[in-house]
Amino acid sequence: MIIDKYKYLLFDLDDTLLDFGKAQVLAFKKLLEDENIEYNDELFEKYETINKSLWRSFERGEISNKEVTSERFIRFFSLFDRKIDGSKVDNRYRGYLAEGNQLFEGIIEMLEKLIITHKLYIASNGIAITQHTRLKNNNLNKYFEKIFISEEIGSKKPDIEFFDIIFKEIGVENKDEVLMIGDTLTSDILGANNAGIDSCLVDIHKISNPEIVPTYKIEKTIDLLEL
């Protein structure tokens, strides 16, 4: 099996191990309920457009993650001519998000198998307190030797430095033994390409870019076992 050639597996968290899409819809609904705004899919799509645009800016190093999480709600609620404290609203939203503990089907069984043969790590750009809470709530910590979150290590995907910090911390001597697994081309796959390691795209978003090509592509994370 191809997966056997790797020693170190770096996993993204959101939309790779945890169903972030489902969790954020539920959190967004609760937030709108707080504000007496009736949820509909069109509103969520508007929020998503704002949110994704800001996270792309973060990946390019143009803004900080704190600016992302604050500014996204300032921009969204401006659609209703409402002025809000972006940080306070985001804290509420992330509280709801941390309650979203939807694991993709088969993830635990996959990790149970991989932990026997590989060294497993989390490599995430998410907000630290939210990610740690969700890992703890899903009892996932026991599967991972270390948790690397951009906010805590001072660098982010797709920057080479993010991966260099990880390589040094876990003692990587041969990059051919490292595989990055994630759902996002512009952070997970581009980051792996920048760092000179192989990558596996979990292609749940069905997005392609001829300039960012993964080593492997799978439809679901658990398909990793079939590589």
C-alpha atoms as a PDB file:
ATOM      1  CA  MET A   1       0.000   0.000   0.000  1.00  0.00           C
ATOM      2  CA  ILE A   2       1.230   3.498  -0.874  1.00  0.00           C
ATOM      3  CA  ILE A   3       0.333   4.833   2.591  1.00  0.00           C
ATOM      4  CA  ASP A   4       2.914   2.448   4.074  1.00  0.00           C
ATOM      5  CA  LYS A   5       5.806   4.448   2.576  1.00  0.00           C
ATOM      6  CA  TYR A   6       5.071   7.325   4.966  1.00  0.00           C
ATOM      7  CA  LYS A   7       6.065   7.524   8.606  1.00  0.00           C
ATOM      8  CA  TYR A   8       4.553  10.910   9.551  1.00  0.00           C
ATOM      9  CA  LEU A   9       0.938  11.818   8.709  1.00  0.00           C
ATOM     10  CA  LEU A  10      -0.072  15.469   9.144  1.00  0.00           C
ATOM     11  CA  PHE A  11      -3.843  15.916   9.320  1.00  0.00           C
ATOM     12  CA  ASP A  12      -5.827  19.079   8.820  1.00  0.00           C
ATOM     13  CA  LEU A  13      -8.829  19.133  11.173  1.00  0.00           C
ATOM     14  CA  ASP A  14     -11.816  20.982   9.704  1.00  0.00           C
ATOM     15  CA  ASP A  15     -13.477  19.213   6.775  1.00  0.00           C
ATOM     16  CA  THR A  16     -10.811  16.515   7.017  1.00  0.00           C
ATOM     17  CA  LEU A  17     -11.523  14.778  10.324  1.00  0.00           C
ATOM     18  CA  LEU A  18     -14.431  16.884  11.564  1.00  0.00           C
ATOM     19  CA  ASP A  19     -17.446  17.914   9.484  1.00  0.00           C
ATOM     20  CA  PHE A  20     -16.849  21.636   9.802  1.00  0.00           C
ATOM     21  CA  GLY A  21     -19.498  22.423   7.213  1.00  0.00           C
ATOM     22  CA  LYS A  22     -22.245  20.934   9.350  1.00  0.00           C
ATOM     23  CA  ALA A  23     -20.858  22.463  12.563  1.00  0.00           C
ATOM     24  CA  GLN A  24     -20.641  25.992  11.194  1.00  0.00           C
ATOM     25  CA  VAL A  25     -24.187  25.962   9.808  1.00  0.00           C
ATOM     26  CA  LEU A  26     -25.519  25.025  13.247  1.00  0.00           C
ATOM     27  CA  ALA A  27     -23.362  27.695  14.923  1.00  0.00           C
ATOM     28  CA  PHE A  28     -24.434  30.316  12.390  1.00  0.00           C
ATOM     29  CA  LYS A  29     -28.107  29.487  12.939  1.00  0.00           C
ATOM     30  CA  LYS A  30     -27.713  29.950  16.703  1.00  0.00           C
ATOM     31  CA  LEU A  31     -25.935  33.264  16.193  1.00  0.00           C
ATOM     32  CA  LEU A  32     -28.688  34.599  13.929  1.00  0.00           C
ATOM     33  CA  GLU A  33     -31.256  33.441  16.454  1.00  0.00           C
ATOM     34  CA  ASP A  34     -29.489  35.557  19.093  1.00  0.00           C
ATOM     35  CA  GLU A  35     -29.801  38.546  16.777  1.00  0.00           C
ATOM     36  CA  ASN A  36     -33.457  37.872  15.906  1.00  0.00           C
ATOM     37  CA  ILE A  37     -32.623  37.220  12.269  1.00  0.00           C
ATOM     38  CA  GLU A  38     -34.334  34.331  10.512  1.00  0.00           C
ATOM     39  CA  TYR A  39     -31.874  31.902   8.950  1.00  0.00           C
ATOM     40  CA  ASN A  40     -31.930  31.009   5.284  1.00  0.00           C
ATOM     41  CA  ASP A  41     -29.375  29.411   2.957  1.00  0.00           C
ATOM     42  CA  GLU A  42     -28.824  32.644   1.040  1.00  0.00           C
ATOM     43  CA  LEU A  43     -27.678  34.417   4.209  1.00  0.00           C
ATOM     44  CA  PHE A  44     -25.275  31.608   4.999  1.00  0.00           C
ATOM     45  CA  GLU A  45     -23.856  31.775   1.472  1.00  0.00           C
ATOM     46  CA  LYS A  46     -23.236  35.511   1.912  1.00  0.00           C
ATOM     47  CA  TYR A  47     -21.441  34.849   5.188  1.00  0.00           C
ATOM     48  CA  GLU A  48     -19.411  32.057   3.582  1.00  0.00           C
ATOM     49  CA  THR A  49     -18.297  34.331   0.751  1.00  0.00           C
ATOM     50  CA  ILE A  50     -17.096  36.927   3.251  1.00  0.00           C
ATOM     51  CA  ASN A  51     -15.463  34.339   5.506  1.00  0.00           C
ATOM     52  CA  LYS A  52     -13.610  32.458   2.769  1.00  0.00           C
ATOM     53  CA  SER A  53     -12.330  35.676   1.226  1.00  0.00           C
ATOM     54  CA  LEU A  54     -10.872  36.768   4.560  1.00  0.00           C
ATOM     55  CA  TRP A  55      -9.250  33.375   5.223  1.00  0.00           C
ATOM     56  CA  ARG A  56      -7.602  33.512   1.777  1.00  0.00           C
ATOM     57  CA  SER A  57      -6.209  36.926   2.770  1.00  0.00           C
ATOM     58  CA  PHE A  58      -4.886  35.332   5.972  1.00  0.00           C
ATOM     59  CA  GLU A  59      -3.191  32.548   3.995  1.00  0.00           C
ATOM     60  CA  ARG A  60      -1.514  35.196   1.827  1.00  0.00           C
ATOM     61  CA  GLY A  61      -0.210  36.892   4.976  1.00  0.00           C
ATOM     62  CA  GLU A  62      -2.249  40.074   4.428  1.00  0.00           C
ATOM     63  CA  ILE A  63      -4.175  39.986   7.716  1.00  0.00           C
ATOM     64  CA  SER A  64      -4.056  38.143  11.065  1.00  0.00           C
ATOM     65  CA  ASN A  65      -6.446  35.395  12.092  1.00  0.00           C
ATOM     66  CA  LYS A  66      -7.913  37.719  14.730  1.00  0.00           C
ATOM     67  CA  GLU A  67      -8.736  40.210  11.986  1.00  0.00           C
ATOM     68  CA  VAL A  68     -10.445  37.417  10.049  1.00  0.00           C
ATOM     69  CA  THR A  69     -12.660  36.346  12.926  1.00  0.00           C
ATOM     70  CA  SER A  70     -13.629  39.876  13.896  1.00  0.00           C
ATOM     71  CA  GLU A  71     -13.999  41.429  10.450  1.00  0.00           C
ATOM     72  CA  ARG A  72     -16.162  38.643   9.021  1.00  0.00           C
ATOM     73  CA  PHE A  73     -19.053  39.498  11.334  1.00  0.00           C
ATOM     74  CA  ILE A  74     -18.587  43.241  11.026  1.00  0.00           C
ATOM     75  CA  ARG A  75     -18.971  42.832   7.266  1.00  0.00           C
ATOM     76  CA  PHE A  76     -21.847  40.388   7.501  1.00  0.00           C
ATOM     77  CA  PHE A  77     -23.969  42.418   9.917  1.00  0.00           C
ATOM     78  CA  SER A  78     -23.304  45.560   7.904  1.00  0.00           C
ATOM     79  CA  LEU A  79     -25.629  43.944   5.346  1.00  0.00           C
ATOM     80  CA  PHE A  80     -28.381  44.689   7.890  1.00  0.00           C
ATOM     81  CA  ASP A  81     -27.001  48.148   8.697  1.00  0.00           C
ATOM     82  CA  ARG A  82     -25.990  46.882  12.127  1.00  0.00           C
ATOM     83  CA  LYS A  83     -22.803  47.939  13.850  1.00  0.00           C
ATOM     84  CA  ILE A  84     -21.478  45.225  16.129  1.00  0.00           C
ATOM     85  CA  ASP A  85     -18.394  44.411  18.164  1.00  0.00           C
ATOM     86  CA  GLY A  86     -16.825  41.856  15.839  1.00  0.00           C
ATOM     87  CA  SER A  87     -14.712  40.196  18.525  1.00  0.00           C
ATOM     88  CA  LYS A  88     -17.595  39.742  20.965  1.00  0.00           C
ATOM     89  CA  VAL A  89     -19.881  38.333  18.300  1.00  0.00           C
ATOM     90  CA  ASP A  90     -17.135  36.012  17.106  1.00  0.00           C
ATOM     91  CA  ASN A  91     -16.533  34.730  20.654  1.00  0.00           C
ATOM     92  CA  ARG A  92     -20.200  33.805  20.833  1.00  0.00           C
ATOM     93  CA  TYR A  93     -20.081  32.156  17.424  1.00  0.00           C
ATOM     94  CA  ARG A  94     -16.972  30.146  18.288  1.00  0.00           C
ATOM     95  CA  GLY A  95     -18.627  29.019  21.503  1.00  0.00           C
ATOM     96  CA  TYR A  96     -21.404  27.535  19.394  1.00  0.00           C
ATOM     97  CA  LEU A  97     -18.868  26.187  16.909  1.00  0.00           C
ATOM     98  CA  ALA A  98     -16.983  24.376  19.648  1.00  0.00           C
ATOM     99  CA  GLU A  99     -20.208  22.501  20.403  1.00  0.00           C
ATOM    100  CA  GLY A 100     -20.177  21.140  16.862  1.00  0.00           C
ATOM    101  CA  ASN A 101     -18.519  17.775  17.203  1.00  0.00           C
ATOM    102  CA  GLN A 102     -19.544  16.027  14.019  1.00  0.00           C
ATOM    103  CA  LEU A 103     -16.888  13.478  13.103  1.00  0.00           C
ATOM    104  CA  PHE A 104     -16.967  12.146   9.574  1.00  0.00           C
ATOM    105  CA  GLU A 105     -18.049   8.522   9.427  1.00  0.00           C
ATOM    106  CA  GLY A 106     -15.285   5.999   9.961  1.00  0.00           C
ATOM    107  CA  ILE A 107     -12.675   8.466  11.280  1.00  0.00           C
ATOM    108  CA  ILE A 108     -12.154   6.734  14.637  1.00  0.00           C
ATOM    109  CA  GLU A 109     -11.766   3.342  12.985  1.00  0.00           C
ATOM    110  CA  MET A 110      -9.253   4.839  10.536  1.00  0.00           C
ATOM    111  CA  LEU A 111      -7.204   6.459  13.305  1.00  0.00           C
ATOM    112  CA  GLU A 112      -7.236   3.235  15.323  1.00  0.00           C
ATOM    113  CA  LYS A 113      -5.551   1.480  12.399  1.00  0.00           C
ATOM    114  CA  LEU A 114      -3.120   4.235  11.440  1.00  0.00           C
ATOM    115  CA  ILE A 115      -1.835   4.844  14.966  1.00  0.00           C
ATOM    116  CA  ILE A 116      -0.396   1.333  14.962  1.00  0.00           C
ATOM    117  CA  THR A 117       1.782   1.932  11.901  1.00  0.00           C
ATOM    118  CA  HIS A 118       2.286   5.710  11.673  1.00  0.00           C
ATOM    119  CA  LYS A 119       3.004   8.815  13.735  1.00  0.00           C
ATOM    120  CA  LEU A 120      -0.047  11.101  13.582  1.00  0.00           C
ATOM    121  CA  TYR A 121      -0.187  14.883  13.999  1.00  0.00           C
ATOM    122  CA  ILE A 122      -2.707  17.697  13.632  1.00  0.00           C
ATOM    123  CA  ALA A 123      -1.631  20.630  11.425  1.00  0.00           C
ATOM    124  CA  SER A 124      -4.365  23.283  11.492  1.00  0.00           C
ATOM    125  CA  ASN A 125      -4.865  26.954  10.659  1.00  0.00           C
ATOM    126  CA  GLY A 126      -7.913  27.151  12.916  1.00  0.00           C
ATOM    127  CA  ILE A 127      -8.449  29.174  16.083  1.00  0.00           C
ATOM    128  CA  ALA A 128      -6.554  27.417  18.886  1.00  0.00           C
ATOM    129  CA  ILE A 129      -9.162  27.402  21.659  1.00  0.00           C
ATOM    130  CA  THR A 130     -11.857  26.165  19.268  1.00  0.00           C
ATOM    131  CA  GLN A 131      -9.679  23.428  17.808  1.00  0.00           C
ATOM    132  CA  HIS A 132      -8.490  22.164  21.199  1.00  0.00           C
ATOM    133  CA  THR A 133     -12.070  22.102  22.485  1.00  0.00           C
ATOM    134  CA  ARG A 134     -13.325  20.122  19.510  1.00  0.00           C
ATOM    135  CA  LEU A 135     -10.420  17.674  19.682  1.00  0.00           C
ATOM    136  CA  LYS A 136     -11.091  17.127  23.386  1.00  0.00           C
ATOM    137  CA  ASN A 137     -14.857  16.786  22.944  1.00  0.00           C
ATOM    138  CA  ASN A 138     -14.347  14.107  20.311  1.00  0.00           C
ATOM    139  CA  ASN A 139     -11.692  12.323  22.385  1.00  0.00           C
ATOM    140  CA  LEU A 140      -9.241  12.634  19.492  1.00  0.00           C
ATOM    141  CA  ASN A 141      -6.179  13.845  21.395  1.00  0.00           C
ATOM    142  CA  LYS A 142      -5.072  10.318  22.229  1.00  0.00           C
ATOM    143  CA  TYR A 143      -4.427   9.557  18.562  1.00  0.00           C
ATOM    144  CA  PHE A 144      -2.031  12.433  17.910  1.00  0.00           C
ATOM    145  CA  GLU A 145       1.537  12.791  19.149  1.00  0.00           C
ATOM    146  CA  LYS A 146       1.403  16.583  18.834  1.00  0.00           C
ATOM    147  CA  ILE A 147      -1.108  19.259  17.869  1.00  0.00           C
ATOM    148  CA  PHE A 148       0.227  22.056  15.658  1.00  0.00           C
ATOM    149  CA  ILE A 149      -2.056  25.094  15.311  1.00  0.00           C
ATOM    150  CA  SER A 150      -0.933  28.186  13.432  1.00  0.00           C
ATOM    151  CA  GLU A 151      -2.057  30.589  16.159  1.00  0.00           C
ATOM    152  CA  GLU A 152       0.169  28.814  18.682  1.00  0.00           C
ATOM    153  CA  ILE A 153       3.283  28.168  16.619  1.00  0.00           C
ATOM    154  CA  GLY A 154       3.396  31.623  15.042  1.00  0.00           C
ATOM    155  CA  SER A 155       3.190  30.560  11.412  1.00  0.00           C
ATOM    156  CA  LYS A 156       0.486  29.288   9.080  1.00  0.00           C
ATOM    157  CA  LYS A 157      -0.189  27.052   6.122  1.00  0.00           C
ATOM    158  CA  PRO A 158       0.841  27.440   3.303  1.00  0.00           C
ATOM    159  CA  ASP A 159       4.065  29.070   4.591  1.00  0.00           C
ATOM    160  CA  ILE A 160       7.198  26.928   4.496  1.00  0.00           C
ATOM    161  CA  GLU A 161       8.014  28.067   8.040  1.00  0.00           C
ATOM    162  CA  PHE A 162       4.847  26.362   9.358  1.00  0.00           C
ATOM    163  CA  PHE A 163       6.108  23.016   8.108  1.00  0.00           C
ATOM    164  CA  ASP A 164       9.738  23.656   9.035  1.00  0.00           C
ATOM    165  CA  ILE A 165       8.637  24.198  12.642  1.00  0.00           C
ATOM    166  CA  ILE A 166       6.796  20.877  12.567  1.00  0.00           C
ATOM    167  CA  PHE A 167       9.686  19.021  10.936  1.00  0.00           C
ATOM    168  CA  LYS A 168      12.096  20.275  13.591  1.00  0.00           C
ATOM    169  CA  GLU A 169       9.699  19.524  16.451  1.00  0.00           C
ATOM    170  CA  ILE A 170       8.991  15.935  15.422  1.00  0.00           C
ATOM    171  CA  GLY A 171      12.473  15.137  14.148  1.00  0.00           C
ATOM    172  CA  VAL A 172      11.883  14.648  10.431  1.00  0.00           C
ATOM    173  CA  GLU A 173      15.109  13.727   8.648  1.00  0.00           C
ATOM    174  CA  ASN A 174      13.612  12.532   5.369  1.00  0.00           C
ATOM    175  CA  LYS A 175      10.764  14.598   3.878  1.00  0.00           C
ATOM    176  CA  ASP A 176       9.805  11.639   1.684  1.00  0.00           C
ATOM    177  CA  GLU A 177       8.366  10.071   4.836  1.00  0.00           C
ATOM    178  CA  VAL A 178       5.866  12.913   5.428  1.00  0.00           C
ATOM    179  CA  LEU A 179       2.322  13.172   4.014  1.00  0.00           C
ATOM    180  CA  MET A 180      -0.014  16.159   4.488  1.00  0.00           C
ATOM    181  CA  ILE A 181      -3.723  15.314   4.378  1.00  0.00           C
ATOM    182  CA  GLY A 182      -6.279  18.105   4.018  1.00  0.00           C
ATOM    183  CA  ASP A 183      -9.238  19.511   2.124  1.00  0.00           C
ATOM    184  CA  THR A 184      -7.936  22.929   1.059  1.00  0.00           C
ATOM    185  CA  LEU A 185      -5.779  23.512  -2.000  1.00  0.00           C
ATOM    186  CA  THR A 186      -4.578  26.968  -0.984  1.00  0.00           C
ATOM    187  CA  SER A 187      -3.373  25.992   2.480  1.00  0.00           C
ATOM    188  CA  ASP A 188      -2.909  22.226   2.870  1.00  0.00           C
ATOM    189  CA  ILE A 189      -1.797  21.278  -0.633  1.00  0.00           C
ATOM    190  CA  LEU A 190       0.041  24.467  -1.546  1.00  0.00           C
ATOM    191  CA  GLY A 191       1.737  24.352   1.850  1.00  0.00           C
ATOM    192  CA  ALA A 192       2.880  20.784   1.282  1.00  0.00           C
ATOM    193  CA  ASN A 193       4.132  21.685  -2.191  1.00  0.00           C
ATOM    194  CA  ASN A 194       6.023  24.667  -0.766  1.00  0.00           C
ATOM    195  CA  ALA A 195       7.581  22.478   1.932  1.00  0.00           C
ATOM    196  CA  GLY A 196       8.626  19.748  -0.489  1.00  0.00           C
ATOM    197  CA  ILE A 197       6.453  16.965   0.920  1.00  0.00           C
ATOM    198  CA  ASP A 198       3.731  14.792  -0.577  1.00  0.00           C
ATOM    199  CA  SER A 199       0.084  15.687  -0.101  1.00  0.00           C
ATOM    200  CA  CYS A 200      -3.320  14.069  -0.230  1.00  0.00           C
ATOM    201  CA  LEU A 201      -6.343  16.204  -1.090  1.00  0.00           C
ATOM    202  CA  VAL A 202      -9.632  15.218   0.529  1.00  0.00           C
ATOM    203  CA  ASP A 203     -11.693  16.471  -2.392  1.00  0.00           C
ATOM    204  CA  ILE A 204     -14.999  17.244  -0.666  1.00  0.00           C
ATOM    205  CA  HIS A 205     -15.211  20.731  -2.171  1.00  0.00           C
ATOM    206  CA  LYS A 206     -14.690  19.554  -5.773  1.00  0.00           C
ATOM    207  CA  ILE A 207     -12.353  22.448  -6.540  1.00  0.00           C
ATOM    208  CA  SER A 208      -9.341  22.137  -8.824  1.00  0.00           C
ATOM    209  CA  ASN A 209      -6.469  24.458  -9.678  1.00  0.00           C
ATOM    210  CA  PRO A 210      -3.924  23.543 -12.361  1.00  0.00           C
ATOM    211  CA  GLU A 211      -1.260  25.457 -10.422  1.00  0.00           C
ATOM    212  CA  ILE A 212      -1.811  23.571  -7.137  1.00  0.00           C
ATOM    213  CA  VAL A 213      -1.661  19.823  -7.684  1.00  0.00           C
ATOM    214  CA  PRO A 214      -1.761  17.233  -4.872  1.00  0.00           C
ATOM    215  CA  THR A 215       0.222  14.000  -4.957  1.00  0.00           C
ATOM    216  CA  TYR A 216      -2.972  12.033  -4.317  1.00  0.00           C
ATOM    217  CA  LYS A 217      -6.676  12.806  -4.342  1.00  0.00           C
ATOM    218  CA  ILE A 218      -9.389  10.972  -2.406  1.00  0.00           C
ATOM    219  CA  GLU A 219     -13.116  11.592  -1.955  1.00  0.00           C
ATOM    220  CA  LYS A 220     -13.281  10.908   1.785  1.00  0.00           C
ATOM    221  CA  THR A 221     -10.575  10.959   4.449  1.00  0.00           C
ATOM    222  CA  ILE A 222     -11.135   7.292   5.287  1.00  0.00           C
ATOM    223  CA  ASP A 223     -10.170   6.432   1.693  1.00  0.00           C
ATOM    224  CA  LEU A 224      -6.616   7.085   2.904  1.00  0.00           C
ATOM    225  CA  LEU A 225      -6.544   3.445   3.997  1.00  0.00           C
ATOM    226  CA  GLU A 226      -6.989   2.369   0.371  1.00  0.00           C
ATOM    227  CA  LEU A 227      -4.035   4.353  -1.038  1.00  0.00           C
END
